[in-house]
Structure formats: C-alpha cells, structure tokens
Amino acid sequence: MSSDAIYITAATSGIITVILVAAFFYVRKHSDKWTIMSFAAAALFGFATVAQVALAAAPAEPDGVSPSPTSSPTLEDLRYQLSSSPGDSHRVKVTATASGEPEPGLTYWFILEVNWDDGNIDYYPRRKMTGRSASFDLTIPANAETRHLRNGRIYGLDSAQSAQAEDLLKRQGATGVDDFFDEATGQPVSDAVKLPY
C-alpha cells in the first residue's frame, strides 16, 4: 500500500473513531440498555484504533517501480582460434579466427615455435596480425629440417616487444642470424596449433 493510501485510511479510521465515541456517550445517556450498546461501541472503537495503528505502521511502498539497474556487458579481450592445413613439404595454411576486443597498447603477432628436440625452443615472429580474422600461408626455408616439431601461436606484444619483433622479422631468411626470440615473449592470446610441414 502506498504512503498516501495509508494516510487516507488512517484519517478515515480516526473519523470513525470519533463518531463511535460520540455514539457511545449518546447511548449511555439516553438508553436503558446502554451497557450492551456501550460494549459494542467500545469493541468497534478498539477495532478502529487497532486498524489505524496497523495501517500507519505499515511500510510504505514506492509510488513508482524503478527499473532494476542493468550492467553493460563486459567485452572480452581479443582471442584467436587457430587451425592449420598442409600445403606442401615446407608450406602450411593457417587460419586465425578472432573474437573479443584488442587490448590497448598491444600489437598481435603470429609466432612460429620451433622445438629442436633438445629441450630448446626458439620463437620466430612471422606475421603481424593487422586485421581480425585472417588466413595466410606460412613457409619455412627449402633446406629446413621438417622433422622438428613446429607450432604456431599468437601473442600480444607491447610496443617495445613489437619493435623487436619487426627487427627479427627483417633478419629472417635462408641465412638468418639472431632472427628469433630466445623465449616466449608477450601475452599468449591463442592456443598453440601444430603446423604440418
């Protein structure tokens, strides 16, 4: 019940109370059976009083129902789903499917991870992910040993790491020297995908 309705009901109950009290005194003064009538009037008076107090004490409901607050959906950070398919003995096709939003300050790179089977893994930056989803061919030199396990993964690099990756990419070739990261660099934003050379 709204606060206005409570106050109106309480006022009406008060008026009824006044009328009942007046009737009580009138019956007592002018009737031979004033005891029964006064008892009835007192009962009604008590009922009205209880109703008035109960209504006045009832918590007020808001006049209007405000809509429940809704939180805006949280955007997820950029992630890539990778898949690969064989091309020839030294070429594979990689498909990167993006979801989420890029994180400010990061540049995204596809990095080739070469496991040399001796506990050593080198990380070759091979492609800057300038768009969202993309498909591209990934090649290795004709004289590369294909028995070594090669995976690919996308990393988010900060500005300094990205500049270093640009330099390493320029060094890569048949006689590349110092053209890889010695260890994983940046923030991985995809699972590793096996590259079937």
N, C-alpha and C. Protein backbone atom coordinates (compact mmCIF):
# COMPACT_ATOMS: atom_id res chain seq x y z
N MET A 1 0.86 -1.18 0.00
CA MET A 1 0.00 0.00 0.00
C MET A 1 0.89 1.23 0.00
N SER A 2 0.52 2.24 -0.80
CA SER A 2 1.34 3.45 -0.89
C SER A 2 1.16 4.28 0.37
N SER A 3 2.08 5.24 0.59
CA SER A 3 2.02 6.09 1.78
C SER A 3 0.76 6.95 1.76
N ASP A 4 0.34 7.43 0.59
CA ASP A 4 -0.89 8.24 0.51
C ASP A 4 -2.10 7.43 0.94
N ALA A 5 -2.19 6.19 0.49
CA ALA A 5 -3.33 5.34 0.87
C ALA A 5 -3.35 5.07 2.36
N ILE A 6 -2.17 4.89 2.96
CA ILE A 6 -2.11 4.65 4.40
C ILE A 6 -2.65 5.85 5.17
N TYR A 7 -2.22 7.04 4.78
CA TYR A 7 -2.67 8.24 5.49
C TYR A 7 -4.17 8.47 5.31
N ILE A 8 -4.69 8.22 4.11
CA ILE A 8 -6.14 8.38 3.89
C ILE A 8 -6.93 7.39 4.73
N THR A 9 -6.45 6.14 4.75
CA THR A 9 -7.15 5.12 5.54
C THR A 9 -7.09 5.43 7.03
N ALA A 10 -5.94 5.90 7.49
CA ALA A 10 -5.79 6.24 8.90
C ALA A 10 -6.70 7.40 9.27
N ALA A 11 -6.83 8.41 8.41
CA ALA A 11 -7.71 9.55 8.69
C ALA A 11 -9.16 9.11 8.74
N THR A 12 -9.55 8.23 7.80
CA THR A 12 -10.93 7.71 7.80
C THR A 12 -11.21 6.93 9.07
N SER A 13 -10.23 6.12 9.47
CA SER A 13 -10.39 5.35 10.70
C SER A 13 -10.53 6.28 11.91
N GLY A 14 -9.78 7.38 11.91
CA GLY A 14 -9.88 8.34 13.02
C GLY A 14 -11.26 8.98 13.09
N ILE A 15 -11.81 9.33 11.92
CA ILE A 15 -13.16 9.93 11.89
C ILE A 15 -14.19 8.94 12.43
N ILE A 16 -14.04 7.64 12.01
CA ILE A 16 -14.98 6.61 12.51
C ILE A 16 -14.84 6.49 14.02
N THR A 17 -13.63 6.60 14.53
CA THR A 17 -13.41 6.51 15.97
C THR A 17 -14.15 7.62 16.71
N VAL A 18 -14.04 8.84 16.18
CA VAL A 18 -14.72 9.98 16.81
C VAL A 18 -16.23 9.76 16.82
N ILE A 19 -16.77 9.29 15.69
CA ILE A 19 -18.22 9.03 15.61
C ILE A 19 -18.62 7.98 16.63
N LEU A 20 -17.82 6.90 16.76
CA LEU A 20 -18.16 5.84 17.70
C LEU A 20 -18.11 6.33 19.14
N VAL A 21 -17.14 7.17 19.46
CA VAL A 21 -17.07 7.71 20.82
C VAL A 21 -18.29 8.56 21.12
N ALA A 22 -18.70 9.38 20.14
CA ALA A 22 -19.90 10.21 20.33
C ALA A 22 -21.13 9.34 20.53
N ALA A 23 -21.22 8.25 19.70
CA ALA A 23 -22.36 7.34 19.84
C ALA A 23 -22.35 6.66 21.20
N PHE A 24 -21.17 6.34 21.69
CA PHE A 24 -21.04 5.71 23.00
C PHE A 24 -21.64 6.59 24.10
N PHE A 25 -21.28 7.86 24.11
CA PHE A 25 -21.80 8.76 25.14
C PHE A 25 -23.30 9.00 24.97
N TYR A 26 -23.74 9.08 23.70
CA TYR A 26 -25.17 9.29 23.47
C TYR A 26 -25.98 8.11 23.99
N VAL A 27 -25.55 6.89 23.65
CA VAL A 27 -26.28 5.69 24.09
C VAL A 27 -26.27 5.59 25.61
N ARG A 28 -25.16 5.89 26.24
CA ARG A 28 -25.06 5.79 27.69
C ARG A 28 -26.04 6.76 28.38
N LYS A 29 -26.25 7.90 27.76
CA LYS A 29 -27.08 8.92 28.40
C LYS A 29 -28.57 8.73 28.13
N HIS A 30 -28.92 8.18 26.96
CA HIS A 30 -30.33 8.15 26.57
C HIS A 30 -30.93 6.77 26.45
N SER A 31 -30.24 5.73 26.73
CA SER A 31 -30.83 4.39 26.57
C SER A 31 -30.73 3.61 27.86
N ASP A 32 -31.80 2.82 28.11
CA ASP A 32 -31.80 1.97 29.29
C ASP A 32 -30.84 0.79 29.12
N LYS A 33 -30.57 0.43 27.87
CA LYS A 33 -29.68 -0.71 27.61
C LYS A 33 -28.30 -0.19 27.17
N TRP A 34 -27.87 0.80 27.88
CA TRP A 34 -26.59 1.43 27.47
C TRP A 34 -25.40 0.52 27.65
N THR A 35 -25.49 -0.48 28.56
CA THR A 35 -24.34 -1.36 28.81
C THR A 35 -23.99 -2.17 27.57
N ILE A 36 -25.02 -2.79 26.95
CA ILE A 36 -24.77 -3.61 25.75
C ILE A 36 -24.29 -2.73 24.60
N MET A 37 -24.98 -1.60 24.43
CA MET A 37 -24.61 -0.71 23.34
C MET A 37 -23.22 -0.12 23.55
N SER A 38 -22.91 0.21 24.77
CA SER A 38 -21.59 0.79 25.02
C SER A 38 -20.49 -0.25 24.80
N PHE A 39 -20.80 -1.51 25.13
CA PHE A 39 -19.82 -2.57 24.89
C PHE A 39 -19.55 -2.72 23.39
N ALA A 40 -20.64 -2.69 22.60
CA ALA A 40 -20.49 -2.80 21.15
C ALA A 40 -19.72 -1.62 20.59
N ALA A 41 -20.04 -0.44 21.10
CA ALA A 41 -19.33 0.76 20.63
C ALA A 41 -17.86 0.71 21.01
N ALA A 42 -17.58 0.21 22.25
CA ALA A 42 -16.19 0.11 22.67
C ALA A 42 -15.43 -0.89 21.81
N ALA A 43 -16.09 -2.01 21.42
CA ALA A 43 -15.45 -3.01 20.56
C ALA A 43 -15.11 -2.42 19.20
N LEU A 44 -16.08 -1.68 18.64
CA LEU A 44 -15.82 -1.04 17.34
C LEU A 44 -14.72 0.00 17.45
N PHE A 45 -14.75 0.72 18.59
CA PHE A 45 -13.71 1.72 18.82
C PHE A 45 -12.32 1.06 18.87
N GLY A 46 -12.25 -0.07 19.57
CA GLY A 46 -10.97 -0.77 19.67
C GLY A 46 -10.51 -1.29 18.31
N PHE A 47 -11.45 -1.82 17.54
CA PHE A 47 -11.11 -2.31 16.20
C PHE A 47 -10.58 -1.19 15.32
N ALA A 48 -11.27 -0.06 15.36
CA ALA A 48 -10.84 1.08 14.55
C ALA A 48 -9.46 1.56 14.96
N THR A 49 -9.22 1.57 16.28
CA THR A 49 -7.91 2.02 16.76
C THR A 49 -6.80 1.09 16.29
N VAL A 50 -7.03 -0.22 16.44
CA VAL A 50 -6.02 -1.20 16.01
C VAL A 50 -5.76 -1.08 14.51
N ALA A 51 -6.83 -0.93 13.72
CA ALA A 51 -6.67 -0.80 12.27
C ALA A 51 -5.87 0.45 11.93
N GLN A 52 -6.17 1.53 12.64
CA GLN A 52 -5.47 2.79 12.37
C GLN A 52 -3.97 2.65 12.67
N VAL A 53 -3.65 2.06 13.82
CA VAL A 53 -2.25 1.91 14.19
C VAL A 53 -1.53 0.97 13.22
N ALA A 54 -2.18 -0.13 12.84
CA ALA A 54 -1.56 -1.09 11.93
C ALA A 54 -1.28 -0.47 10.58
N LEU A 55 -2.26 0.28 10.06
CA LEU A 55 -2.07 0.91 8.76
C LEU A 55 -1.00 1.98 8.80
N ALA A 56 -0.97 2.74 9.88
CA ALA A 56 0.02 3.81 9.99
C ALA A 56 1.43 3.23 10.10
N ALA A 57 1.55 2.04 10.72
CA ALA A 57 2.87 1.44 10.91
C ALA A 57 3.33 0.62 9.71
N ALA A 58 2.43 0.36 8.75
CA ALA A 58 2.80 -0.47 7.60
C ALA A 58 3.84 0.24 6.76
N PRO A 59 4.85 -0.48 6.27
CA PRO A 59 5.88 0.17 5.43
C PRO A 59 5.28 0.67 4.14
N ALA A 60 5.69 1.85 3.77
CA ALA A 60 5.18 2.44 2.55
C ALA A 60 5.88 1.86 1.35
N GLU A 61 5.10 1.62 0.28
CA GLU A 61 5.67 1.15 -0.96
C GLU A 61 5.93 2.36 -1.85
N PRO A 62 6.95 2.29 -2.70
CA PRO A 62 7.20 3.41 -3.59
C PRO A 62 6.05 3.61 -4.56
N ASP A 63 5.78 4.88 -4.90
CA ASP A 63 4.67 5.18 -5.80
C ASP A 63 4.94 4.60 -7.19
N GLY A 64 6.17 4.60 -7.61
CA GLY A 64 6.52 4.05 -8.91
C GLY A 64 7.58 2.98 -8.75
N VAL A 65 7.57 2.00 -9.61
CA VAL A 65 8.56 0.94 -9.54
C VAL A 65 9.70 1.31 -10.46
N SER A 66 10.86 1.51 -9.87
CA SER A 66 12.01 1.89 -10.69
C SER A 66 12.61 0.63 -11.30
N PRO A 67 13.07 0.71 -12.54
CA PRO A 67 13.64 -0.49 -13.18
C PRO A 67 14.93 -0.90 -12.48
N SER A 68 15.14 -2.20 -12.43
CA SER A 68 16.36 -2.70 -11.81
C SER A 68 17.55 -2.30 -12.67
N PRO A 69 18.65 -1.93 -12.01
CA PRO A 69 19.80 -1.49 -12.78
C PRO A 69 20.37 -2.64 -13.60
N THR A 70 20.78 -2.34 -14.81
CA THR A 70 21.38 -3.34 -15.66
C THR A 70 22.81 -2.93 -15.97
N SER A 71 23.72 -3.88 -15.84
CA SER A 71 25.12 -3.58 -16.12
C SER A 71 25.39 -3.87 -17.59
N SER A 72 26.22 -3.03 -18.18
CA SER A 72 26.57 -3.24 -19.58
C SER A 72 27.44 -4.47 -19.69
N PRO A 73 27.30 -5.22 -20.78
CA PRO A 73 28.11 -6.44 -20.92
C PRO A 73 29.59 -6.11 -20.97
N THR A 74 30.37 -6.96 -20.33
CA THR A 74 31.81 -6.76 -20.32
C THR A 74 32.40 -7.36 -21.59
N LEU A 75 33.18 -6.54 -22.30
CA LEU A 75 33.81 -7.02 -23.51
C LEU A 75 35.01 -7.88 -23.16
N GLU A 76 35.12 -9.02 -23.83
CA GLU A 76 36.24 -9.91 -23.58
C GLU A 76 37.46 -9.44 -24.36
N ASP A 77 38.65 -9.74 -23.82
CA ASP A 77 39.89 -9.41 -24.53
C ASP A 77 40.00 -10.26 -25.79
N LEU A 78 40.76 -9.74 -26.73
CA LEU A 78 40.94 -10.41 -28.01
C LEU A 78 41.57 -11.79 -27.84
N ARG A 79 40.95 -12.78 -28.47
CA ARG A 79 41.48 -14.14 -28.51
C ARG A 79 41.38 -14.65 -29.94
N TYR A 80 42.27 -15.57 -30.29
CA TYR A 80 42.28 -16.17 -31.61
C TYR A 80 42.11 -17.68 -31.49
N GLN A 81 41.32 -18.22 -32.41
CA GLN A 81 41.22 -19.67 -32.58
C GLN A 81 42.01 -20.02 -33.84
N LEU A 82 42.99 -20.90 -33.71
CA LEU A 82 43.86 -21.23 -34.82
C LEU A 82 43.59 -22.63 -35.36
N SER A 83 43.71 -22.75 -36.67
CA SER A 83 43.69 -24.06 -37.32
C SER A 83 44.72 -24.04 -38.45
N SER A 84 45.16 -25.22 -38.87
CA SER A 84 46.16 -25.29 -39.93
C SER A 84 45.86 -26.46 -40.85
N SER A 85 46.34 -26.34 -42.08
CA SER A 85 46.19 -27.43 -43.04
C SER A 85 47.46 -27.49 -43.88
N PRO A 86 47.87 -28.69 -44.31
CA PRO A 86 49.13 -28.81 -45.06
C PRO A 86 49.03 -28.22 -46.45
N GLY A 87 50.15 -27.66 -46.91
CA GLY A 87 50.24 -27.19 -48.29
C GLY A 87 51.17 -28.11 -49.05
N ASP A 88 52.47 -27.89 -48.88
CA ASP A 88 53.46 -28.84 -49.40
C ASP A 88 54.46 -29.11 -48.28
N SER A 89 55.60 -29.66 -48.61
CA SER A 89 56.54 -30.10 -47.57
C SER A 89 57.09 -28.95 -46.73
N HIS A 90 57.01 -27.72 -47.24
CA HIS A 90 57.56 -26.58 -46.49
C HIS A 90 56.57 -25.42 -46.40
N ARG A 91 55.30 -25.72 -46.57
CA ARG A 91 54.29 -24.65 -46.53
C ARG A 91 53.01 -25.19 -45.90
N VAL A 92 52.42 -24.41 -45.03
CA VAL A 92 51.11 -24.73 -44.45
C VAL A 92 50.22 -23.49 -44.56
N LYS A 93 48.93 -23.73 -44.50
CA LYS A 93 47.96 -22.63 -44.45
C LYS A 93 47.43 -22.53 -43.02
N VAL A 94 47.43 -21.33 -42.50
CA VAL A 94 46.97 -21.08 -41.13
C VAL A 94 45.73 -20.19 -41.20
N THR A 95 44.72 -20.55 -40.43
CA THR A 95 43.52 -19.72 -40.32
C THR A 95 43.40 -19.26 -38.87
N ALA A 96 43.28 -17.96 -38.70
CA ALA A 96 43.14 -17.35 -37.35
C ALA A 96 41.79 -16.66 -37.29
N THR A 97 40.96 -17.11 -36.36
CA THR A 97 39.63 -16.54 -36.19
C THR A 97 39.59 -15.77 -34.88
N ALA A 98 39.29 -14.48 -34.97
CA ALA A 98 39.37 -13.59 -33.80
C ALA A 98 38.01 -13.44 -33.14
N SER A 99 38.06 -13.22 -31.83
CA SER A 99 36.87 -12.85 -31.05
C SER A 99 37.32 -11.93 -29.93
N GLY A 100 36.42 -11.07 -29.46
CA GLY A 100 36.78 -10.14 -28.40
C GLY A 100 37.39 -8.86 -28.96
N GLU A 101 37.83 -8.01 -28.07
CA GLU A 101 38.36 -6.70 -28.44
C GLU A 101 39.84 -6.59 -28.12
N PRO A 102 40.61 -5.93 -29.01
CA PRO A 102 42.05 -5.78 -28.75
C PRO A 102 42.30 -5.03 -27.45
N GLU A 103 43.37 -5.40 -26.78
CA GLU A 103 43.75 -4.71 -25.55
C GLU A 103 44.61 -3.50 -25.91
N PRO A 104 44.27 -2.31 -25.41
CA PRO A 104 45.05 -1.12 -25.75
C PRO A 104 46.53 -1.31 -25.43
N GLY A 105 47.38 -0.88 -26.36
CA GLY A 105 48.82 -0.95 -26.14
C GLY A 105 49.47 -2.22 -26.64
N LEU A 106 48.68 -3.19 -27.10
CA LEU A 106 49.26 -4.44 -27.59
C LEU A 106 49.17 -4.53 -29.11
N THR A 107 50.21 -5.12 -29.71
CA THR A 107 50.20 -5.48 -31.12
C THR A 107 50.27 -7.00 -31.18
N TYR A 108 49.50 -7.59 -32.10
CA TYR A 108 49.36 -9.05 -32.11
C TYR A 108 50.21 -9.66 -33.24
N TRP A 109 50.98 -10.68 -32.86
CA TRP A 109 51.92 -11.34 -33.78
C TRP A 109 51.69 -12.84 -33.78
N PHE A 110 51.75 -13.43 -35.00
CA PHE A 110 51.80 -14.88 -35.11
C PHE A 110 53.28 -15.27 -35.00
N ILE A 111 53.57 -16.16 -34.07
CA ILE A 111 54.96 -16.56 -33.81
C ILE A 111 55.11 -18.06 -34.02
N LEU A 112 56.11 -18.40 -34.81
CA LEU A 112 56.44 -19.80 -35.09
C LEU A 112 57.34 -20.32 -33.98
N GLU A 113 56.93 -21.42 -33.35
CA GLU A 113 57.69 -22.01 -32.26
C GLU A 113 58.35 -23.30 -32.76
N VAL A 114 59.67 -23.31 -32.78
CA VAL A 114 60.40 -24.49 -33.29
C VAL A 114 61.04 -25.22 -32.11
N ASN A 115 60.62 -26.48 -31.95
CA ASN A 115 61.17 -27.33 -30.91
C ASN A 115 62.29 -28.17 -31.52
N TRP A 116 63.51 -27.96 -31.05
CA TRP A 116 64.68 -28.62 -31.65
C TRP A 116 64.94 -30.00 -31.04
N ASP A 117 64.01 -30.52 -30.28
CA ASP A 117 64.11 -31.87 -29.71
C ASP A 117 65.25 -32.02 -28.72
N ASP A 118 65.82 -30.91 -28.25
CA ASP A 118 66.90 -30.99 -27.26
C ASP A 118 66.56 -30.15 -26.03
N GLY A 119 65.27 -29.85 -25.85
CA GLY A 119 64.85 -29.01 -24.74
C GLY A 119 64.88 -27.53 -25.08
N ASN A 120 65.30 -27.20 -26.28
CA ASN A 120 65.39 -25.80 -26.69
C ASN A 120 64.27 -25.47 -27.68
N ILE A 121 63.57 -24.36 -27.42
CA ILE A 121 62.53 -23.87 -28.33
C ILE A 121 62.87 -22.44 -28.70
N ASP A 122 62.85 -22.14 -30.00
CA ASP A 122 63.05 -20.78 -30.47
C ASP A 122 61.73 -20.22 -30.99
N TYR A 123 61.59 -18.90 -30.90
CA TYR A 123 60.31 -18.24 -31.20
C TYR A 123 60.53 -17.21 -32.30
N TYR A 124 60.02 -17.53 -33.50
CA TYR A 124 60.23 -16.69 -34.67
C TYR A 124 58.97 -15.86 -34.96
N PRO A 125 59.04 -14.55 -34.82
CA PRO A 125 57.89 -13.73 -35.22
C PRO A 125 57.75 -13.79 -36.74
N ARG A 126 56.56 -14.20 -37.23
CA ARG A 126 56.40 -14.41 -38.66
C ARG A 126 55.34 -13.53 -39.31
N ARG A 127 54.42 -13.01 -38.52
CA ARG A 127 53.38 -12.20 -39.15
C ARG A 127 52.71 -11.31 -38.11
N LYS A 128 52.58 -10.02 -38.45
CA LYS A 128 51.82 -9.10 -37.61
C LYS A 128 50.35 -9.24 -37.98
N MET A 129 49.51 -9.43 -36.97
CA MET A 129 48.07 -9.59 -37.21
C MET A 129 47.45 -8.20 -37.26
N THR A 130 47.41 -7.64 -38.48
CA THR A 130 46.93 -6.26 -38.62
C THR A 130 45.41 -6.19 -38.67
N GLY A 131 44.76 -7.28 -39.00
CA GLY A 131 43.30 -7.28 -39.06
C GLY A 131 42.72 -8.14 -37.96
N ARG A 132 41.54 -8.65 -38.21
CA ARG A 132 40.91 -9.53 -37.25
C ARG A 132 41.16 -10.97 -37.69
N SER A 133 40.16 -11.62 -38.22
CA SER A 133 40.35 -12.99 -38.71
C SER A 133 41.14 -12.95 -40.02
N ALA A 134 41.96 -13.97 -40.23
CA ALA A 134 42.80 -13.99 -41.43
C ALA A 134 43.22 -15.42 -41.74
N SER A 135 43.47 -15.67 -43.02
CA SER A 135 44.08 -16.92 -43.47
C SER A 135 45.35 -16.54 -44.23
N PHE A 136 46.42 -17.30 -44.01
CA PHE A 136 47.69 -16.96 -44.67
C PHE A 136 48.55 -18.21 -44.78
N ASP A 137 49.46 -18.17 -45.78
CA ASP A 137 50.44 -19.25 -45.95
C ASP A 137 51.65 -18.95 -45.10
N LEU A 138 52.22 -20.01 -44.54
CA LEU A 138 53.42 -19.88 -43.71
C LEU A 138 54.45 -20.85 -44.27
N THR A 139 55.60 -20.31 -44.65
CA THR A 139 56.63 -21.15 -45.26
C THR A 139 57.87 -21.18 -44.39
N ILE A 140 58.67 -22.22 -44.61
CA ILE A 140 59.99 -22.32 -43.98
C ILE A 140 61.00 -22.52 -45.11
N PRO A 141 62.28 -22.20 -44.88
CA PRO A 141 63.27 -22.32 -45.96
C PRO A 141 63.31 -23.74 -46.54
N ALA A 142 63.69 -23.81 -47.81
CA ALA A 142 63.70 -25.10 -48.51
C ALA A 142 64.64 -26.10 -47.86
N ASN A 143 65.69 -25.60 -47.20
CA ASN A 143 66.64 -26.52 -46.58
C ASN A 143 66.32 -26.77 -45.10
N ALA A 144 65.17 -26.32 -44.62
CA ALA A 144 64.81 -26.52 -43.21
C ALA A 144 64.51 -27.98 -42.93
N GLU A 145 64.90 -28.44 -41.77
CA GLU A 145 64.65 -29.82 -41.35
C GLU A 145 63.23 -29.94 -40.83
N THR A 146 62.40 -30.69 -41.53
CA THR A 146 60.97 -30.75 -41.18
C THR A 146 60.65 -31.76 -40.08
N ARG A 147 61.63 -32.51 -39.63
CA ARG A 147 61.32 -33.48 -38.57
C ARG A 147 61.14 -32.80 -37.22
N HIS A 148 61.61 -31.58 -37.09
CA HIS A 148 61.45 -30.86 -35.83
C HIS A 148 60.01 -30.35 -35.71
N LEU A 149 59.48 -30.45 -34.50
CA LEU A 149 58.09 -30.04 -34.25
C LEU A 149 57.96 -28.52 -34.32
N ARG A 150 57.01 -28.06 -35.10
CA ARG A 150 56.74 -26.63 -35.21
C ARG A 150 55.28 -26.36 -34.85
N ASN A 151 55.11 -25.47 -33.92
CA ASN A 151 53.77 -25.00 -33.54
C ASN A 151 53.67 -23.51 -33.86
N GLY A 152 52.46 -23.02 -33.89
CA GLY A 152 52.25 -21.60 -34.06
C GLY A 152 51.32 -21.09 -32.97
N ARG A 153 51.53 -19.84 -32.57
CA ARG A 153 50.70 -19.23 -31.53
C ARG A 153 50.69 -17.72 -31.75
N ILE A 154 49.63 -17.07 -31.34
CA ILE A 154 49.57 -15.61 -31.45
C ILE A 154 49.79 -15.01 -30.07
N TYR A 155 50.65 -13.99 -30.04
CA TYR A 155 50.98 -13.30 -28.79
C TYR A 155 50.63 -11.81 -28.94
N GLY A 156 50.25 -11.21 -27.81
CA GLY A 156 50.10 -9.76 -27.75
C GLY A 156 51.39 -9.17 -27.21
N LEU A 157 52.03 -8.30 -28.01
CA LEU A 157 53.31 -7.71 -27.63
C LEU A 157 53.13 -6.22 -27.34
N ASP A 158 53.84 -5.73 -26.34
CA ASP A 158 53.80 -4.29 -26.09
C ASP A 158 54.65 -3.58 -27.15
N SER A 159 54.73 -2.26 -27.10
CA SER A 159 55.37 -1.51 -28.18
C SER A 159 56.84 -1.87 -28.34
N ALA A 160 57.56 -2.04 -27.24
CA ALA A 160 58.99 -2.38 -27.32
C ALA A 160 59.17 -3.79 -27.88
N GLN A 161 58.36 -4.73 -27.43
CA GLN A 161 58.45 -6.10 -27.93
C GLN A 161 58.08 -6.17 -29.41
N SER A 162 57.07 -5.40 -29.80
CA SER A 162 56.65 -5.39 -31.20
C SER A 162 57.74 -4.81 -32.10
N ALA A 163 58.41 -3.76 -31.64
CA ALA A 163 59.52 -3.19 -32.41
C ALA A 163 60.64 -4.21 -32.57
N GLN A 164 60.89 -4.98 -31.52
CA GLN A 164 61.91 -6.02 -31.60
C GLN A 164 61.50 -7.11 -32.58
N ALA A 165 60.20 -7.47 -32.56
CA ALA A 165 59.69 -8.48 -33.49
C ALA A 165 59.84 -8.01 -34.93
N GLU A 166 59.61 -6.72 -35.18
CA GLU A 166 59.79 -6.16 -36.53
C GLU A 166 61.25 -6.36 -36.98
N ASP A 167 62.17 -6.09 -36.10
CA ASP A 167 63.59 -6.23 -36.43
C ASP A 167 63.95 -7.69 -36.69
N LEU A 168 63.45 -8.59 -35.86
CA LEU A 168 63.74 -10.01 -36.03
C LEU A 168 63.17 -10.53 -37.36
N LEU A 169 61.98 -10.06 -37.71
CA LEU A 169 61.35 -10.50 -38.96
C LEU A 169 62.21 -10.09 -40.17
N LYS A 170 62.77 -8.90 -40.12
CA LYS A 170 63.62 -8.42 -41.22
C LYS A 170 64.88 -9.27 -41.35
N ARG A 171 65.36 -9.84 -40.25
CA ARG A 171 66.59 -10.63 -40.27
C ARG A 171 66.37 -12.04 -40.82
N GLN A 172 65.10 -12.48 -40.84
CA GLN A 172 64.83 -13.87 -41.21
C GLN A 172 65.08 -14.09 -42.71
N GLY A 173 65.52 -15.30 -43.04
CA GLY A 173 65.83 -15.68 -44.41
C GLY A 173 66.65 -16.95 -44.40
N ALA A 174 67.21 -17.27 -45.55
CA ALA A 174 67.99 -18.52 -45.66
C ALA A 174 69.19 -18.51 -44.74
N THR A 175 69.77 -17.33 -44.49
CA THR A 175 70.95 -17.25 -43.62
C THR A 175 70.66 -16.34 -42.44
N GLY A 176 69.47 -16.46 -41.90
CA GLY A 176 69.09 -15.59 -40.80
C GLY A 176 69.99 -15.76 -39.58
N VAL A 177 70.33 -14.64 -38.95
CA VAL A 177 71.16 -14.64 -37.75
C VAL A 177 70.46 -13.79 -36.70
N ASP A 178 70.35 -14.33 -35.49
CA ASP A 178 69.66 -13.61 -34.41
C ASP A 178 68.29 -13.12 -34.88
N ASP A 179 67.52 -14.06 -35.44
CA ASP A 179 66.23 -13.70 -36.02
C ASP A 179 65.05 -14.30 -35.24
N PHE A 180 65.24 -14.58 -33.96
CA PHE A 180 64.19 -15.18 -33.15
C PHE A 180 64.31 -14.71 -31.71
N PHE A 181 63.21 -14.85 -30.97
CA PHE A 181 63.23 -14.64 -29.52
C PHE A 181 63.75 -15.92 -28.88
N ASP A 182 64.57 -15.76 -27.85
CA ASP A 182 65.09 -16.94 -27.14
C ASP A 182 64.02 -17.61 -26.28
N GLU A 183 63.02 -16.85 -25.88
CA GLU A 183 61.96 -17.40 -25.03
C GLU A 183 60.64 -16.74 -25.40
N ALA A 184 59.57 -17.37 -24.93
CA ALA A 184 58.24 -16.82 -25.24
C ALA A 184 58.16 -15.38 -24.74
N THR A 185 57.69 -14.50 -25.60
CA THR A 185 57.65 -13.07 -25.29
C THR A 185 56.23 -12.56 -25.48
N GLY A 186 55.77 -11.77 -24.54
CA GLY A 186 54.44 -11.21 -24.66
C GLY A 186 53.39 -12.07 -23.99
N GLN A 187 52.16 -11.78 -24.36
CA GLN A 187 51.00 -12.42 -23.73
C GLN A 187 50.31 -13.33 -24.73
N PRO A 188 50.27 -14.66 -24.48
CA PRO A 188 49.62 -15.55 -25.45
C PRO A 188 48.12 -15.28 -25.52
N VAL A 189 47.62 -15.19 -26.75
CA VAL A 189 46.18 -14.93 -26.94
C VAL A 189 45.54 -16.01 -27.81
N SER A 190 46.22 -17.14 -27.94
CA SER A 190 45.65 -18.29 -28.63
C SER A 190 46.29 -19.54 -28.07
N ASP A 191 45.66 -20.67 -28.32
CA ASP A 191 46.32 -21.93 -28.03
C ASP A 191 47.31 -22.22 -29.16
N ALA A 192 48.26 -23.09 -28.90
CA ALA A 192 49.21 -23.49 -29.94
C ALA A 192 48.52 -24.38 -30.96
N VAL A 193 48.88 -24.21 -32.23
CA VAL A 193 48.39 -25.09 -33.28
C VAL A 193 49.58 -25.78 -33.93
N LYS A 194 49.48 -27.07 -34.15
CA LYS A 194 50.57 -27.82 -34.79
C LYS A 194 50.59 -27.49 -36.28
N LEU A 195 51.78 -27.24 -36.80
CA LEU A 195 51.93 -26.88 -38.21
C LEU A 195 52.46 -28.09 -38.97
N PRO A 196 51.65 -28.69 -39.84
CA PRO A 196 52.02 -29.97 -40.50
C PRO A 196 52.91 -29.76 -41.72
N TYR A 197 54.19 -29.42 -41.51
CA TYR A 197 55.13 -29.33 -42.63
C TYR A 197 55.53 -30.73 -43.05
